[in-house]
């Protein structure tokens, strides 16, 4: 039975969205072989648009091609991930601190509402949806940053993360519980009018704790 797809987009776009969603929620995990004919049959289309979609995913770093094997879901580029998370922790921390005076109670309530949705996902965890909500949460806190250069760097960091892998939480789902708790702590700091440096460090450490959890999961003997 073919999957229902919106008729408004091209077949290549439909195939791209369909495959990317499955990679994002770890149904197609790292190393998973993407058989173009099988995917085309599932989507009730020819192989051509599926091949175009896979090439697009390859350009984004989510898929790799191996000689005599074909297309596979990419394994996390650990080095790039570490560099990106380190950098994003710094620039997002500063951007969040600079945004804080411009955030209204309505903004903070919206962030809390998103965090509540993330908390409700913990019981039946969906890494892809959790990651989307996580970005929504943080965007509320940094988008009012008055420095456009910093904001551009934050956007670049999030985009680079998407290219490396869609969801860190697929690899370290246990981190999600702590992430939700830390979100609430950051909001409390902002609402209380805390020192900008305290807000910056809280946001930075929040990002870096996720990085530490990822490294620990892949190299359990390297961290205490």
N, C-alpha and C. Protein backbone atom coordinates (compact mmCIF):
# COMPACT_ATOMS: atom_id res chain seq x y z
N UNK A 1 0.85 -1.20 0.00
CA UNK A 1 0.00 0.00 0.00
C UNK A 1 0.88 1.24 0.00
N UNK A 2 0.66 2.18 -0.90
CA UNK A 2 1.49 3.38 -0.98
C UNK A 2 1.14 4.35 0.12
N UNK A 3 2.14 5.17 0.50
CA UNK A 3 1.92 6.16 1.56
C UNK A 3 1.19 7.36 1.01
N UNK A 4 0.27 7.96 1.80
CA UNK A 4 -0.42 9.16 1.34
C UNK A 4 0.52 10.34 1.30
N UNK A 5 0.55 11.06 0.18
CA UNK A 5 1.44 12.19 0.02
C UNK A 5 0.67 13.37 -0.53
N UNK A 6 1.06 14.59 -0.16
CA UNK A 6 0.38 15.77 -0.68
C UNK A 6 0.57 15.90 -2.17
N UNK A 7 -0.50 16.25 -2.87
CA UNK A 7 -0.46 16.32 -4.33
C UNK A 7 0.13 17.63 -4.82
N UNK A 8 0.35 18.57 -3.93
CA UNK A 8 0.78 19.91 -4.35
C UNK A 8 2.27 19.99 -4.63
N UNK A 9 3.08 19.09 -4.08
CA UNK A 9 4.52 19.14 -4.28
C UNK A 9 4.94 18.16 -5.36
N UNK A 10 6.17 18.35 -5.88
CA UNK A 10 6.68 17.46 -6.91
C UNK A 10 6.94 16.08 -6.31
N UNK A 11 7.04 15.08 -7.17
CA UNK A 11 7.31 13.73 -6.68
C UNK A 11 8.67 13.66 -6.00
N UNK A 12 9.64 14.38 -6.54
CA UNK A 12 10.95 14.41 -5.91
C UNK A 12 10.88 14.99 -4.51
N UNK A 13 10.11 16.07 -4.34
CA UNK A 13 9.95 16.70 -3.03
C UNK A 13 9.22 15.76 -2.08
N UNK A 14 8.22 15.05 -2.58
CA UNK A 14 7.49 14.10 -1.76
C UNK A 14 8.42 12.98 -1.27
N UNK A 15 9.22 12.46 -2.17
CA UNK A 15 10.15 11.40 -1.80
C UNK A 15 11.18 11.89 -0.80
N UNK A 16 11.66 13.11 -1.02
CA UNK A 16 12.63 13.71 -0.10
C UNK A 16 12.04 13.81 1.31
N UNK A 17 10.83 14.34 1.42
CA UNK A 17 10.21 14.52 2.73
C UNK A 17 9.95 13.17 3.40
N UNK A 18 9.52 12.20 2.61
CA UNK A 18 9.20 10.88 3.14
C UNK A 18 10.44 10.19 3.70
N UNK A 19 11.55 10.24 2.95
CA UNK A 19 12.79 9.59 3.39
C UNK A 19 13.39 10.34 4.58
N UNK A 20 13.39 11.68 4.48
CA UNK A 20 14.01 12.48 5.54
C UNK A 20 13.29 12.29 6.87
N UNK A 21 11.97 12.18 6.81
CA UNK A 21 11.20 11.97 8.04
C UNK A 21 11.61 10.67 8.71
N UNK A 22 11.80 9.62 7.92
CA UNK A 22 12.17 8.32 8.47
C UNK A 22 13.61 8.31 8.99
N UNK A 23 14.48 9.06 8.38
CA UNK A 23 15.83 9.20 8.91
C UNK A 23 15.77 9.96 10.24
N UNK A 24 14.98 11.03 10.27
CA UNK A 24 14.90 11.86 11.46
C UNK A 24 14.37 11.13 12.68
N UNK A 25 13.43 10.23 12.48
CA UNK A 25 12.87 9.52 13.65
C UNK A 25 13.55 8.16 13.86
N UNK A 26 14.69 7.96 13.16
CA UNK A 26 15.54 6.78 13.33
C UNK A 26 14.92 5.47 12.87
N UNK A 27 13.84 5.56 12.08
CA UNK A 27 13.31 4.36 11.44
C UNK A 27 14.34 3.85 10.44
N UNK A 28 14.99 4.79 9.76
CA UNK A 28 16.14 4.49 8.91
C UNK A 28 17.38 4.98 9.66
N UNK A 29 18.03 4.08 10.39
CA UNK A 29 19.16 4.48 11.22
C UNK A 29 20.46 4.55 10.44
N UNK A 30 21.54 5.00 11.10
CA UNK A 30 22.85 5.11 10.46
C UNK A 30 23.27 3.79 9.82
N UNK A 31 23.68 3.86 8.56
CA UNK A 31 24.09 2.67 7.82
C UNK A 31 22.98 1.96 7.09
N UNK A 32 21.73 2.36 7.32
CA UNK A 32 20.59 1.72 6.67
C UNK A 32 20.68 1.90 5.15
N UNK A 33 20.50 0.82 4.42
CA UNK A 33 20.60 0.88 2.96
C UNK A 33 19.28 1.33 2.37
N UNK A 34 19.34 2.37 1.54
CA UNK A 34 18.15 2.91 0.88
C UNK A 34 18.02 2.27 -0.50
N UNK A 35 17.10 1.33 -0.61
CA UNK A 35 16.87 0.64 -1.89
C UNK A 35 15.87 1.47 -2.69
N UNK A 36 16.34 2.07 -3.76
CA UNK A 36 15.52 3.02 -4.50
C UNK A 36 14.24 2.40 -5.03
N UNK A 37 14.33 1.18 -5.56
CA UNK A 37 13.15 0.53 -6.11
C UNK A 37 12.09 0.26 -5.05
N UNK A 38 12.54 -0.16 -3.88
CA UNK A 38 11.61 -0.44 -2.78
C UNK A 38 10.90 0.84 -2.33
N UNK A 39 11.67 1.92 -2.23
CA UNK A 39 11.08 3.20 -1.82
C UNK A 39 10.11 3.69 -2.88
N UNK A 40 10.49 3.56 -4.15
CA UNK A 40 9.62 3.98 -5.24
C UNK A 40 8.30 3.22 -5.22
N UNK A 41 8.37 1.91 -4.96
CA UNK A 41 7.15 1.11 -4.88
C UNK A 41 6.26 1.57 -3.72
N UNK A 42 6.89 1.88 -2.57
CA UNK A 42 6.13 2.33 -1.40
C UNK A 42 5.42 3.64 -1.66
N UNK A 43 6.06 4.48 -2.50
CA UNK A 43 5.49 5.80 -2.80
C UNK A 43 4.68 5.82 -4.09
N UNK A 44 4.61 4.67 -4.76
CA UNK A 44 3.86 4.57 -6.01
C UNK A 44 4.35 5.58 -7.05
N UNK A 45 5.66 5.57 -7.26
CA UNK A 45 6.26 6.45 -8.27
C UNK A 45 7.46 5.75 -8.89
N UNK A 46 8.02 6.35 -9.92
CA UNK A 46 9.19 5.76 -10.56
C UNK A 46 10.44 5.99 -9.71
N UNK A 47 11.52 5.35 -10.11
CA UNK A 47 12.78 5.48 -9.37
C UNK A 47 13.41 6.86 -9.56
N UNK A 48 13.12 7.53 -10.67
CA UNK A 48 13.78 8.80 -11.00
C UNK A 48 13.62 9.85 -9.90
N UNK A 49 12.40 10.19 -9.45
CA UNK A 49 12.28 11.20 -8.39
C UNK A 49 12.88 10.75 -7.06
N UNK A 50 12.87 9.44 -6.81
CA UNK A 50 13.49 8.93 -5.58
C UNK A 50 14.99 9.14 -5.64
N UNK A 51 15.58 8.88 -6.82
CA UNK A 51 17.02 9.11 -6.97
C UNK A 51 17.36 10.58 -6.78
N UNK A 52 16.53 11.47 -7.30
CA UNK A 52 16.75 12.91 -7.11
C UNK A 52 16.68 13.29 -5.64
N UNK A 53 15.72 12.70 -4.94
CA UNK A 53 15.57 12.98 -3.51
C UNK A 53 16.79 12.50 -2.72
N UNK A 54 17.28 11.33 -3.07
CA UNK A 54 18.43 10.77 -2.38
C UNK A 54 19.68 11.61 -2.64
N UNK A 55 19.82 12.10 -3.87
CA UNK A 55 20.95 12.98 -4.19
C UNK A 55 20.89 14.27 -3.36
N UNK A 56 19.71 14.77 -3.16
CA UNK A 56 19.54 15.97 -2.33
C UNK A 56 19.92 15.67 -0.88
N UNK A 57 19.51 14.53 -0.38
CA UNK A 57 19.87 14.14 0.98
C UNK A 57 21.37 13.92 1.11
N UNK A 58 21.98 13.44 0.04
CA UNK A 58 23.43 13.28 0.05
C UNK A 58 24.11 14.64 0.16
N UNK A 59 23.61 15.63 -0.58
CA UNK A 59 24.18 16.98 -0.53
C UNK A 59 24.06 17.58 0.86
N UNK A 60 23.03 17.19 1.61
CA UNK A 60 22.83 17.70 2.97
C UNK A 60 23.61 16.90 4.01
N UNK A 61 24.28 15.85 3.58
CA UNK A 61 25.08 15.06 4.51
C UNK A 61 24.33 13.97 5.24
N UNK A 62 23.07 13.73 4.86
CA UNK A 62 22.27 12.72 5.56
C UNK A 62 22.39 11.34 4.92
N UNK A 63 22.88 11.30 3.70
CA UNK A 63 23.02 10.04 2.96
C UNK A 63 24.40 10.00 2.32
N UNK A 64 24.98 8.81 2.24
CA UNK A 64 26.25 8.62 1.56
C UNK A 64 26.08 7.53 0.49
N UNK A 65 26.93 7.59 -0.52
CA UNK A 65 26.95 6.55 -1.55
C UNK A 65 28.22 5.73 -1.40
N UNK A 66 28.08 4.41 -1.44
CA UNK A 66 29.22 3.52 -1.37
C UNK A 66 29.27 2.69 -2.65
N UNK A 67 30.46 2.57 -3.20
CA UNK A 67 30.63 1.80 -4.44
C UNK A 67 30.20 0.36 -4.23
N UNK A 68 29.44 -0.14 -5.19
CA UNK A 68 28.93 -1.51 -5.19
C UNK A 68 27.92 -1.78 -4.07
N UNK A 69 27.52 -0.74 -3.36
CA UNK A 69 26.53 -0.89 -2.30
C UNK A 69 25.32 -0.02 -2.57
N UNK A 70 25.57 1.25 -2.87
CA UNK A 70 24.48 2.18 -3.13
C UNK A 70 24.34 3.20 -2.02
N UNK A 71 23.13 3.68 -1.84
CA UNK A 71 22.87 4.74 -0.88
C UNK A 71 22.63 4.18 0.51
N UNK A 72 23.25 4.80 1.49
CA UNK A 72 23.04 4.44 2.89
C UNK A 72 22.83 5.71 3.72
N UNK A 73 22.10 5.57 4.81
CA UNK A 73 21.95 6.68 5.75
C UNK A 73 23.31 6.94 6.37
N UNK A 74 23.71 8.21 6.40
CA UNK A 74 25.05 8.57 6.88
C UNK A 74 25.19 8.32 8.38
N UNK A 75 26.38 7.91 8.75
CA UNK A 75 26.75 7.84 10.15
C UNK A 75 27.10 9.25 10.59
N UNK A 76 26.89 9.56 11.86
CA UNK A 76 27.19 10.89 12.37
C UNK A 76 28.65 11.23 12.12
N UNK A 77 28.91 12.42 11.56
CA UNK A 77 30.27 12.94 11.44
C UNK A 77 30.61 13.52 12.81
N UNK A 78 31.25 12.72 13.63
CA UNK A 78 31.44 13.09 15.03
C UNK A 78 32.27 14.36 15.19
N UNK A 79 33.32 14.49 14.41
CA UNK A 79 34.18 15.67 14.54
C UNK A 79 33.41 16.95 14.23
N UNK A 80 32.67 16.94 13.12
CA UNK A 80 31.89 18.12 12.75
C UNK A 80 30.81 18.42 13.78
N UNK A 81 30.23 17.36 14.32
CA UNK A 81 29.19 17.54 15.34
C UNK A 81 29.77 18.22 16.57
N UNK A 82 30.91 17.76 17.01
CA UNK A 82 31.54 18.35 18.20
C UNK A 82 31.85 19.82 17.97
N UNK A 83 32.47 20.14 16.83
CA UNK A 83 32.81 21.54 16.55
C UNK A 83 31.56 22.41 16.48
N UNK A 84 30.52 21.89 15.83
CA UNK A 84 29.29 22.67 15.68
C UNK A 84 28.62 22.91 17.02
N UNK A 85 28.54 21.89 17.86
CA UNK A 85 27.90 22.04 19.15
C UNK A 85 28.69 22.97 20.06
N UNK A 86 30.01 22.88 20.01
CA UNK A 86 30.83 23.79 20.82
C UNK A 86 30.59 25.24 20.41
N UNK A 87 30.60 25.47 19.11
CA UNK A 87 30.41 26.82 18.60
C UNK A 87 29.00 27.33 18.87
N UNK A 88 28.01 26.46 18.64
CA UNK A 88 26.63 26.88 18.85
C UNK A 88 26.38 27.19 20.32
N UNK A 89 27.02 26.44 21.21
CA UNK A 89 26.86 26.72 22.63
C UNK A 89 27.30 28.12 22.98
N UNK A 90 28.40 28.56 22.38
CA UNK A 90 28.93 29.90 22.66
C UNK A 90 28.01 30.98 22.08
N UNK A 91 27.72 30.89 20.77
CA UNK A 91 26.98 31.98 20.13
C UNK A 91 25.51 31.99 20.56
N UNK A 92 24.93 30.82 20.78
CA UNK A 92 23.53 30.79 21.22
C UNK A 92 23.41 31.28 22.66
N UNK A 93 24.43 30.98 23.47
CA UNK A 93 24.41 31.47 24.84
C UNK A 93 24.41 32.98 24.89
N UNK A 94 25.28 33.61 24.09
CA UNK A 94 25.33 35.07 24.05
C UNK A 94 24.04 35.64 23.48
N UNK A 95 23.55 35.04 22.39
CA UNK A 95 22.32 35.53 21.76
C UNK A 95 21.14 35.45 22.71
N UNK A 96 21.06 34.37 23.50
CA UNK A 96 19.97 34.23 24.47
C UNK A 96 20.07 35.29 25.56
N UNK A 97 21.29 35.56 26.02
CA UNK A 97 21.48 36.58 27.05
C UNK A 97 21.10 37.97 26.54
N UNK A 98 21.46 38.26 25.29
CA UNK A 98 21.12 39.57 24.72
C UNK A 98 19.62 39.67 24.42
N UNK A 99 18.98 38.55 24.16
CA UNK A 99 17.55 38.54 23.89
C UNK A 99 16.72 38.76 25.14
N UNK A 100 17.25 38.30 26.28
CA UNK A 100 16.48 38.24 27.52
C UNK A 100 15.72 39.52 27.85
N UNK A 101 16.35 40.71 27.77
CA UNK A 101 15.60 41.94 28.13
C UNK A 101 14.45 42.25 27.19
N UNK A 102 14.45 41.64 26.01
CA UNK A 102 13.43 41.93 25.01
C UNK A 102 12.30 40.89 25.01
N UNK A 103 12.44 39.86 25.82
CA UNK A 103 11.43 38.80 25.87
C UNK A 103 10.29 39.22 26.79
N UNK A 104 9.08 39.06 26.31
CA UNK A 104 7.90 39.40 27.11
C UNK A 104 7.42 38.18 27.89
N UNK A 105 6.51 38.41 28.81
CA UNK A 105 5.91 37.28 29.53
C UNK A 105 5.22 36.33 28.57
N UNK A 106 4.62 36.89 27.51
CA UNK A 106 3.95 36.04 26.52
C UNK A 106 4.98 35.15 25.80
N UNK A 107 6.16 35.70 25.51
CA UNK A 107 7.21 34.91 24.87
C UNK A 107 7.63 33.75 25.77
N UNK A 108 7.85 34.07 27.04
CA UNK A 108 8.29 33.04 27.98
C UNK A 108 7.20 31.99 28.21
N UNK A 109 5.94 32.43 28.22
CA UNK A 109 4.83 31.48 28.34
C UNK A 109 4.79 30.56 27.12
N UNK A 110 5.07 31.11 25.95
CA UNK A 110 5.08 30.29 24.73
C UNK A 110 6.21 29.25 24.80
N UNK A 111 7.37 29.67 25.28
CA UNK A 111 8.48 28.74 25.42
C UNK A 111 8.14 27.64 26.41
N UNK A 112 7.49 28.00 27.51
CA UNK A 112 7.09 27.00 28.50
C UNK A 112 6.07 26.03 27.92
N UNK A 113 5.18 26.53 27.07
CA UNK A 113 4.17 25.66 26.45
C UNK A 113 4.85 24.63 25.55
N UNK A 114 5.84 25.07 24.78
CA UNK A 114 6.59 24.15 23.93
C UNK A 114 7.33 23.12 24.79
N UNK A 115 7.94 23.60 25.88
CA UNK A 115 8.65 22.69 26.77
C UNK A 115 7.71 21.68 27.40
N UNK A 116 6.48 22.09 27.68
CA UNK A 116 5.48 21.17 28.20
C UNK A 116 5.15 20.07 27.20
N UNK A 117 5.08 20.44 25.94
CA UNK A 117 4.82 19.44 24.89
C UNK A 117 5.99 18.46 24.80
N UNK A 118 7.21 18.98 24.98
CA UNK A 118 8.39 18.10 24.97
C UNK A 118 8.34 17.13 26.15
N UNK A 119 7.93 17.64 27.30
CA UNK A 119 7.84 16.79 28.49
C UNK A 119 6.82 15.67 28.30
N UNK A 120 5.73 15.97 27.63
CA UNK A 120 4.69 14.95 27.42
C UNK A 120 5.15 13.88 26.42
N UNK A 121 6.15 14.20 25.63
CA UNK A 121 6.69 13.21 24.68
C UNK A 121 7.62 12.20 25.34
N UNK A 122 8.06 12.50 26.55
CA UNK A 122 9.08 11.66 27.17
C UNK A 122 8.61 10.23 27.42
N UNK A 123 7.32 10.07 27.73
CA UNK A 123 6.80 8.74 28.04
C UNK A 123 6.81 7.84 26.81
N UNK A 124 6.41 8.38 25.68
CA UNK A 124 6.44 7.62 24.42
C UNK A 124 7.32 8.42 23.46
N UNK A 125 8.61 8.21 23.59
CA UNK A 125 9.59 9.13 23.01
C UNK A 125 9.62 9.05 21.48
N UNK A 126 9.59 10.24 20.87
CA UNK A 126 9.72 10.40 19.42
C UNK A 126 10.84 11.41 19.21
N UNK A 127 12.04 10.92 18.86
CA UNK A 127 13.22 11.78 18.79
C UNK A 127 13.06 12.88 17.75
N UNK A 128 12.43 12.56 16.63
CA UNK A 128 12.29 13.55 15.56
C UNK A 128 11.40 14.71 16.02
N UNK A 129 10.22 14.39 16.55
CA UNK A 129 9.31 15.44 17.01
C UNK A 129 9.92 16.21 18.17
N UNK A 130 10.59 15.52 19.07
CA UNK A 130 11.24 16.18 20.21
C UNK A 130 12.27 17.18 19.72
N UNK A 131 13.03 16.83 18.69
CA UNK A 131 14.04 17.72 18.15
C UNK A 131 13.42 18.96 17.52
N UNK A 132 12.32 18.78 16.79
CA UNK A 132 11.64 19.92 16.19
C UNK A 132 11.14 20.88 17.27
N UNK A 133 10.56 20.33 18.33
CA UNK A 133 10.08 21.16 19.42
C UNK A 133 11.24 21.84 20.15
N UNK A 134 12.34 21.13 20.27
CA UNK A 134 13.53 21.69 20.92
C UNK A 134 14.01 22.94 20.18
N UNK A 135 14.02 22.87 18.85
CA UNK A 135 14.43 24.05 18.09
C UNK A 135 13.41 25.18 18.24
N UNK A 136 12.13 24.84 18.27
CA UNK A 136 11.11 25.87 18.49
C UNK A 136 11.32 26.57 19.83
N UNK A 137 11.59 25.76 20.85
CA UNK A 137 11.80 26.33 22.19
C UNK A 137 12.95 27.33 22.17
N UNK A 138 14.09 26.92 21.66
CA UNK A 138 15.26 27.79 21.69
C UNK A 138 15.09 29.01 20.79
N UNK A 139 14.38 28.85 19.69
CA UNK A 139 14.20 29.99 18.79
C UNK A 139 13.42 31.11 19.48
N UNK A 140 12.48 30.75 20.35
CA UNK A 140 11.75 31.78 21.10
C UNK A 140 12.73 32.61 21.93
N UNK A 141 13.75 31.96 22.48
CA UNK A 141 14.66 32.63 23.40
C UNK A 141 15.76 33.42 22.71
N UNK A 142 16.11 33.06 21.47
CA UNK A 142 17.22 33.80 20.84
C UNK A 142 16.80 34.69 19.68
N UNK A 143 15.59 34.54 19.16
CA UNK A 143 15.22 35.29 17.95
C UNK A 143 15.08 36.79 18.17
N UNK A 144 14.91 37.23 19.41
CA UNK A 144 14.83 38.67 19.66
C UNK A 144 16.20 39.30 19.89
N UNK A 145 17.26 38.53 19.68
CA UNK A 145 18.62 39.05 19.84
C UNK A 145 18.80 40.27 18.93
N UNK A 146 19.22 41.42 19.47
CA UNK A 146 19.34 42.63 18.67
C UNK A 146 20.58 42.68 17.79
N UNK A 147 21.47 41.71 17.94
CA UNK A 147 22.70 41.68 17.15
C UNK A 147 22.50 40.74 15.95
N UNK A 148 22.34 41.28 14.74
CA UNK A 148 22.04 40.43 13.59
C UNK A 148 23.19 39.50 13.21
N UNK A 149 24.41 39.88 13.52
CA UNK A 149 25.55 39.04 13.19
C UNK A 149 25.56 37.78 14.07
N UNK A 150 25.29 37.96 15.35
CA UNK A 150 25.18 36.80 16.25
C UNK A 150 24.04 35.89 15.83
N UNK A 151 22.90 36.51 15.50
CA UNK A 151 21.73 35.73 15.12
C UNK A 151 22.02 34.91 13.87
N UNK A 152 22.75 35.48 12.95
CA UNK A 152 23.13 34.75 11.73
C UNK A 152 23.99 33.55 12.08
N UNK A 153 24.92 33.71 13.00
CA UNK A 153 25.79 32.61 13.41
C UNK A 153 24.98 31.49 14.08
N UNK A 154 23.98 31.87 14.88
CA UNK A 154 23.13 30.87 15.52
C UNK A 154 22.36 30.09 14.46
N UNK A 155 21.78 30.80 13.49
CA UNK A 155 21.04 30.12 12.42
C UNK A 155 21.95 29.18 11.64
N UNK A 156 23.16 29.63 11.36
CA UNK A 156 24.11 28.77 10.64
C UNK A 156 24.43 27.51 11.43
N UNK A 157 24.56 27.67 12.74
CA UNK A 157 24.86 26.50 13.57
C UNK A 157 23.73 25.48 13.56
N UNK A 158 22.49 25.96 13.69
CA UNK A 158 21.35 25.04 13.65
C UNK A 158 21.25 24.35 12.28
N UNK A 159 21.48 25.11 11.21
CA UNK A 159 21.43 24.51 9.88
C UNK A 159 22.52 23.47 9.70
N UNK A 160 23.69 23.73 10.24
CA UNK A 160 24.78 22.78 10.13
C UNK A 160 24.48 21.51 10.91
N UNK A 161 23.86 21.66 12.07
CA UNK A 161 23.46 20.48 12.83
C UNK A 161 22.50 19.61 12.05
N UNK A 162 21.56 20.23 11.36
CA UNK A 162 20.58 19.49 10.56
C UNK A 162 21.27 18.69 9.48
N UNK A 163 22.35 19.25 8.92
CA UNK A 163 23.07 18.53 7.87
C UNK A 163 23.87 17.37 8.41
N UNK A 164 24.35 17.49 9.67
CA UNK A 164 25.14 16.42 10.26
C UNK A 164 24.24 15.25 10.65
N UNK A 165 23.19 15.55 11.38
CA UNK A 165 22.14 14.59 11.70
C UNK A 165 20.95 15.37 12.18
N UNK A 166 19.79 14.85 11.92
CA UNK A 166 18.58 15.58 12.28
C UNK A 166 18.35 15.58 13.79
N UNK A 167 18.72 14.51 14.49
CA UNK A 167 18.35 14.41 15.90
C UNK A 167 19.43 13.79 16.75
N UNK A 168 20.00 14.58 17.65
CA UNK A 168 20.92 14.05 18.65
C UNK A 168 20.19 13.11 19.59
N UNK A 169 18.94 13.42 19.89
CA UNK A 169 18.19 12.67 20.89
C UNK A 169 17.89 11.24 20.44
N UNK A 170 18.04 10.95 19.14
CA UNK A 170 17.90 9.58 18.68
C UNK A 170 19.06 8.72 19.19
N UNK A 171 20.20 9.37 19.45
CA UNK A 171 21.38 8.64 19.92
C UNK A 171 21.47 8.63 21.45
N UNK A 172 20.99 9.69 22.08
CA UNK A 172 21.04 9.77 23.55
C UNK A 172 19.67 10.17 24.09
N UNK A 173 18.67 9.30 23.96
CA UNK A 173 17.31 9.65 24.39
C UNK A 173 17.22 9.99 25.87
N UNK A 174 18.11 9.42 26.70
CA UNK A 174 18.08 9.72 28.12
C UNK A 174 18.37 11.17 28.43
N UNK A 175 19.05 11.84 27.51
CA UNK A 175 19.38 13.25 27.70
C UNK A 175 18.12 14.12 27.65
N UNK A 176 17.08 13.65 27.01
CA UNK A 176 15.87 14.45 26.82
C UNK A 176 15.25 14.88 28.15
N UNK A 177 15.24 14.00 29.16
CA UNK A 177 14.65 14.36 30.45
C UNK A 177 15.38 15.54 31.08
N UNK A 178 16.71 15.48 31.06
CA UNK A 178 17.50 16.57 31.65
C UNK A 178 17.34 17.86 30.84
N UNK A 179 17.20 17.72 29.53
CA UNK A 179 17.05 18.89 28.67
C UNK A 179 15.80 19.67 29.02
N UNK A 180 14.71 18.97 29.23
CA UNK A 180 13.44 19.62 29.59
C UNK A 180 13.59 20.37 30.92
N UNK A 181 14.26 19.74 31.88
CA UNK A 181 14.45 20.39 33.18
C UNK A 181 15.31 21.65 33.04
N UNK A 182 16.35 21.58 32.23
CA UNK A 182 17.24 22.73 32.05
C UNK A 182 16.53 23.86 31.31
N UNK A 183 15.64 23.52 30.40
CA UNK A 183 14.84 24.55 29.73
C UNK A 183 14.08 25.39 30.75
N UNK A 184 13.43 24.71 31.69
CA UNK A 184 12.65 25.42 32.71
C UNK A 184 13.55 26.31 33.56
N UNK A 185 14.77 25.85 33.84
CA UNK A 185 15.70 26.64 34.64
C UNK A 185 16.13 27.91 33.89
N UNK A 186 16.36 27.80 32.59
CA UNK A 186 16.75 28.97 31.80
C UNK A 186 15.62 29.99 31.78
N UNK A 187 14.39 29.51 31.61
CA UNK A 187 13.24 30.43 31.61
C UNK A 187 13.12 31.12 32.97
N UNK A 188 13.33 30.38 34.06
CA UNK A 188 13.26 30.98 35.40
C UNK A 188 14.30 32.09 35.54
N UNK A 189 15.49 31.87 35.02
CA UNK A 189 16.54 32.89 35.10
C UNK A 189 16.12 34.16 34.34
N UNK A 190 15.60 33.97 33.15
CA UNK A 190 15.20 35.12 32.34
C UNK A 190 14.05 35.87 32.99
N UNK A 191 13.07 35.13 33.49
CA UNK A 191 11.89 35.75 34.09
C UNK A 191 12.28 36.52 35.37
N UNK A 192 13.31 36.05 36.06
CA UNK A 192 13.74 36.69 37.29
C UNK A 192 14.67 37.88 37.04
N UNK A 193 15.00 38.13 35.77
CA UNK A 193 15.90 39.23 35.46
C UNK A 193 17.32 38.97 35.91
N UNK A 194 17.78 37.73 35.78
CA UNK A 194 19.11 37.35 36.23
C UNK A 194 20.19 38.09 35.45
N UNK A 195 21.39 38.09 36.01
CA UNK A 195 22.53 38.70 35.33
C UNK A 195 22.71 38.06 33.95
N UNK A 196 22.95 38.88 32.91
CA UNK A 196 23.11 38.33 31.56
C UNK A 196 24.17 37.22 31.47
N UNK A 197 25.24 37.35 32.25
CA UNK A 197 26.28 36.32 32.21
C UNK A 197 25.76 34.99 32.73
N UNK A 198 24.91 35.03 33.76
CA UNK A 198 24.33 33.79 34.28
C UNK A 198 23.43 33.12 33.24
N UNK A 199 22.68 33.94 32.51
CA UNK A 199 21.81 33.40 31.45
C UNK A 199 22.66 32.81 30.33
N UNK A 200 23.70 33.55 29.95
CA UNK A 200 24.58 33.06 28.89
C UNK A 200 25.21 31.73 29.25
N UNK A 201 25.73 31.62 30.46
CA UNK A 201 26.39 30.38 30.88
C UNK A 201 25.40 29.23 30.99
N UNK A 202 24.18 29.52 31.46
CA UNK A 202 23.17 28.46 31.56
C UNK A 202 22.82 27.91 30.18
N UNK A 203 22.64 28.82 29.22
CA UNK A 203 22.31 28.38 27.86
C UNK A 203 23.48 27.64 27.22
N UNK A 204 24.69 28.12 27.47
CA UNK A 204 25.87 27.46 26.90
C UNK A 204 26.06 26.07 27.49
N UNK A 205 25.99 25.98 28.82
CA UNK A 205 26.18 24.68 29.46
C UNK A 205 25.09 23.70 29.08
N UNK A 206 23.89 24.19 28.87
CA UNK A 206 22.79 23.34 28.40
C UNK A 206 23.17 22.67 27.08
N UNK A 207 23.70 23.45 26.16
CA UNK A 207 24.12 22.91 24.86
C UNK A 207 25.28 21.94 25.03
N UNK A 208 26.23 22.29 25.85
CA UNK A 208 27.42 21.46 26.00
C UNK A 208 27.14 20.18 26.76
N UNK A 209 26.14 20.19 27.64
CA UNK A 209 25.79 18.94 28.32
C UNK A 209 25.22 17.93 27.33
N UNK A 210 24.48 18.41 26.34
CA UNK A 210 24.00 17.52 25.29
C UNK A 210 25.17 16.94 24.52
N UNK A 211 26.16 17.78 24.23
CA UNK A 211 27.36 17.31 23.55
C UNK A 211 28.08 16.26 24.40
N UNK A 212 28.24 16.54 25.69
CA UNK A 212 28.91 15.58 26.57
C UNK A 212 28.18 14.23 26.60
N UNK A 213 26.83 14.30 26.60
CA UNK A 213 26.05 13.06 26.62
C UNK A 213 26.27 12.26 25.34
N UNK A 214 26.36 12.97 24.22
CA UNK A 214 26.58 12.30 22.94
C UNK A 214 27.96 11.63 22.92
N UNK A 215 29.00 12.37 23.35
CA UNK A 215 30.35 11.81 23.36
C UNK A 215 30.43 10.62 24.30
N UNK A 216 29.80 10.74 25.47
CA UNK A 216 29.82 9.66 26.43
C UNK A 216 29.15 8.40 25.88
N UNK A 217 28.07 8.59 25.09
CA UNK A 217 27.37 7.43 24.55
C UNK A 217 28.21 6.69 23.51
N UNK A 218 29.09 7.42 22.82
CA UNK A 218 29.92 6.81 21.79
C UNK A 218 31.28 6.36 22.31
N UNK A 219 31.71 7.00 23.40
CA UNK A 219 33.00 6.65 24.01
C UNK A 219 32.82 6.57 25.52
N UNK A 220 32.15 5.55 25.99
CA UNK A 220 31.77 5.48 27.41
C UNK A 220 32.93 5.48 28.38
N UNK A 221 34.14 5.21 27.91
CA UNK A 221 35.29 5.17 28.82
C UNK A 221 36.06 6.48 28.90
N UNK A 222 35.60 7.50 28.12
CA UNK A 222 36.38 8.74 28.06
C UNK A 222 35.90 9.78 29.03
N UNK A 223 34.67 9.68 29.54
CA UNK A 223 34.12 10.67 30.45
C UNK A 223 33.77 10.02 31.78
N UNK A 224 33.95 10.77 32.86
CA UNK A 224 33.59 10.24 34.18
C UNK A 224 32.09 10.21 34.31
